Each structure stands twice: as structure tokens, then as C-alpha cells.
Amino acid sequence: QLQLAESGGGLVQPGGSLRLACAASVFTLEYNAIGWFRQAPGKEREGVACISRSRVITVYADSVKGRFTVSADNAETTVYLQMNSMKVEDTAVYYCAADWNPDPRNCTIVPRKGQYAGWGQGTQVTVSS
């Protein structure tokens, strides 16, 4: 069963950093692109970043470009979202999910409905002074 689990959220001051982790089976991470999404209170869920199945391509939302970095560890068991220079508007519940994309060099943060699967419970990130 496809299931991912997010961790690493917490409270951070503006300008601070957090690193989120997305854990799944080796099989899941080897054969899927991984996307990070977030949902703030009263807002639609939005794509933040993704990393392709080959781990060569990464895509970022304009709002986080230059501040967030998505990566995968060598053992291919965890995908990370490093968040630096954080802003109050980064406050949200963050989720990761998997997309079996036939193109190993592609991923998207604007998915079709149902394109991503294995959504975890999410991890709360709060940026506040």
C-alpha cells in the first residue's frame, strides 16, 4: 500500500529554518516522483516543490524558490524539504505524496486530480515571532 509519512514540523521564528522529512518504502521512493504540498487555514492546498523519479529534476513554487530545497538521501528512504529564510506566510500543514510519472525526468507541483497518492497526515509548520 502506498503510504508516506511526514515529520519535522514545528514552530520557528521568521528568518529561521526547518527540515521536513518524507519517509516511505524504498520501492515507493524508487519508482515515484515525490511532491511537497501545503495547506494554510482557509486556503486551497498548493504545490511547494517536487523531485523527479530520477532525482535529477526539481521544481519549486515561485513563493519558495531560492529558499526551499528538496532532496533525497542516498539510501532512497527519505525525501527532505529544507526550508530556509522562512516567512510568516509559510505557515501551513505540509504534506508529501507520490506520483508514478512515466517520465523519470519530470515532476509537477500542479497535478491533475488524483495524480498524487499516498498522502500522509501532514506536519504543522508555524512561522511566528
Protein backbone atom coordinates (compact mmCIF):
# COMPACT_ATOMS: atom_id res chain seq x y z
CA GLN A 1 0.00 0.00 0.00
CA LEU A 2 1.32 3.40 -0.96
CA GLN A 3 1.75 5.44 2.20
CA LEU A 4 4.11 8.24 3.06
CA ALA A 5 4.77 9.92 6.41
CA GLU A 6 5.85 13.48 7.04
CA SER A 7 7.81 14.70 10.05
CA GLY A 8 9.93 17.61 11.19
CA GLY A 9 7.39 20.38 11.55
CA GLY A 10 7.35 22.83 14.42
CA LEU A 11 7.47 26.45 15.46
CA VAL A 12 10.17 28.67 14.00
CA GLN A 13 10.80 32.41 14.00
CA PRO A 14 10.78 34.42 10.78
CA GLY A 15 14.12 34.02 9.07
CA GLY A 16 14.68 30.63 10.66
CA SER A 17 14.99 27.16 9.15
CA LEU A 18 13.31 23.77 9.36
CA ARG A 19 13.87 20.49 7.58
CA LEU A 20 10.91 18.29 6.82
CA ALA A 21 11.25 14.58 6.08
CA CYS A 22 9.04 12.35 3.95
CA ALA A 23 9.53 8.65 4.67
CA ALA A 24 8.26 5.78 2.53
CA SER A 25 9.30 2.36 1.36
CA VAL A 26 12.36 2.02 -0.84
CA PHE A 27 10.11 0.77 -3.62
CA THR A 28 7.84 3.82 -3.37
CA LEU A 29 10.66 6.32 -3.48
CA GLU A 30 12.50 4.48 -6.25
CA TYR A 31 9.57 4.39 -8.65
CA ASN A 32 7.79 7.68 -7.94
CA ALA A 33 8.32 11.39 -8.16
CA ILE A 34 7.74 12.97 -4.76
CA GLY A 35 5.89 16.21 -4.23
CA TRP A 36 5.61 18.53 -1.25
CA PHE A 37 2.37 20.44 -0.78
CA ARG A 38 1.00 22.73 1.90
CA GLN A 39 -2.36 23.97 3.06
CA ALA A 40 -2.84 27.06 5.17
CA PRO A 41 -6.06 27.68 7.13
CA GLY A 42 -8.83 28.81 4.81
CA LYS A 43 -6.74 28.29 1.69
CA GLU A 44 -6.51 25.70 -1.04
CA ARG A 45 -3.73 23.16 -0.95
CA GLU A 46 -0.80 24.31 -3.08
CA GLY A 47 2.25 22.66 -4.54
CA VAL A 48 5.54 23.71 -2.97
CA ALA A 49 8.23 21.55 -4.56
CA CYS A 50 8.79 18.22 -6.24
CA ILE A 51 11.67 15.96 -7.18
CA SER A 52 11.57 13.64 -10.18
CA ARG A 53 11.90 9.87 -10.03
CA SER A 54 15.46 10.14 -11.38
CA ARG A 55 16.16 12.77 -8.69
CA VAL A 56 17.67 14.94 -11.44
CA ILE A 57 14.82 17.43 -11.79
CA THR A 58 13.39 19.63 -9.05
CA VAL A 59 10.56 22.15 -9.38
CA TYR A 60 9.65 24.91 -6.96
CA ALA A 61 6.76 27.29 -6.48
CA ASP A 62 7.75 30.90 -7.09
CA SER A 63 6.95 31.72 -3.49
CA VAL A 64 9.66 29.39 -2.15
CA LYS A 65 12.24 29.47 -4.94
CA GLY A 66 15.68 30.22 -3.56
CA ARG A 67 14.60 29.45 0.00
CA PHE A 68 13.45 25.83 -0.08
CA THR A 69 15.40 22.81 -1.34
CA VAL A 70 14.03 19.33 -1.99
CA SER A 71 16.43 16.38 -1.95
CA ALA A 72 16.58 12.62 -1.47
CA ASP A 73 19.05 10.70 0.65
CA ASN A 74 21.41 8.14 -0.85
CA ALA A 75 19.62 5.20 0.66
CA GLU A 76 16.45 6.41 -1.08
CA THR A 77 14.33 6.04 2.00
CA THR A 78 13.60 9.69 2.73
CA VAL A 79 12.91 12.85 0.76
CA TYR A 80 13.66 16.12 2.53
CA LEU A 81 12.39 19.66 2.25
CA GLN A 82 14.94 22.10 3.63
CA MET A 83 13.24 25.40 4.38
CA ASN A 84 15.40 28.48 4.98
CA SER A 85 14.66 32.18 5.41
CA MET A 86 11.18 31.26 6.45
CA LYS A 87 8.32 33.72 6.37
CA VAL A 88 5.07 34.01 8.28
CA GLU A 89 3.25 33.10 5.07
CA ASP A 90 4.98 29.70 5.06
CA THR A 91 2.76 28.70 7.98
CA ALA A 92 0.72 25.68 6.90
CA VAL A 93 0.30 21.94 7.21
CA TYR A 94 2.86 20.34 4.90
CA TYR A 95 2.23 17.07 3.08
CA CYS A 96 4.22 14.80 0.81
CA ALA A 97 2.81 12.44 -1.77
CA ALA A 98 3.99 10.17 -4.59
CA ASP A 99 3.37 10.31 -8.33
CA TRP A 100 4.18 7.44 -10.65
CA ASN A 101 5.35 9.54 -13.56
CA PRO A 102 6.43 7.53 -16.65
CA ASP A 103 8.99 10.24 -17.39
CA PRO A 104 11.75 9.80 -14.79
CA ARG A 105 12.98 13.31 -15.52
CA ASN A 106 9.71 15.08 -14.78
CA CYS A 107 7.59 16.10 -11.83
CA THR A 108 4.83 18.62 -11.28
CA ILE A 109 3.55 20.82 -8.46
CA VAL A 110 0.32 21.46 -10.37
CA PRO A 111 -1.04 17.94 -10.55
CA ARG A 112 -4.19 16.56 -12.13
CA LYS A 113 -6.82 15.43 -9.66
CA GLY A 114 -5.69 12.14 -8.18
CA GLN A 115 -2.25 12.29 -9.77
CA TYR A 116 -0.50 12.11 -6.43
CA ALA A 117 -1.24 9.36 -3.92
CA GLY A 118 -0.14 8.09 -0.54
CA TRP A 119 -0.84 11.32 1.30
CA GLY A 120 0.34 11.31 4.89
CA GLN A 121 -1.21 13.03 7.90
CA GLY A 122 0.85 16.15 7.34
CA THR A 123 3.15 18.05 9.66
CA GLN A 124 2.35 21.50 11.05
CA VAL A 125 4.80 24.31 10.34
CA THR A 126 4.25 27.59 12.15
CA VAL A 127 6.38 30.66 11.49
CA SER A 128 5.85 33.27 14.15
CA SER A 129 7.77 35.62 16.38
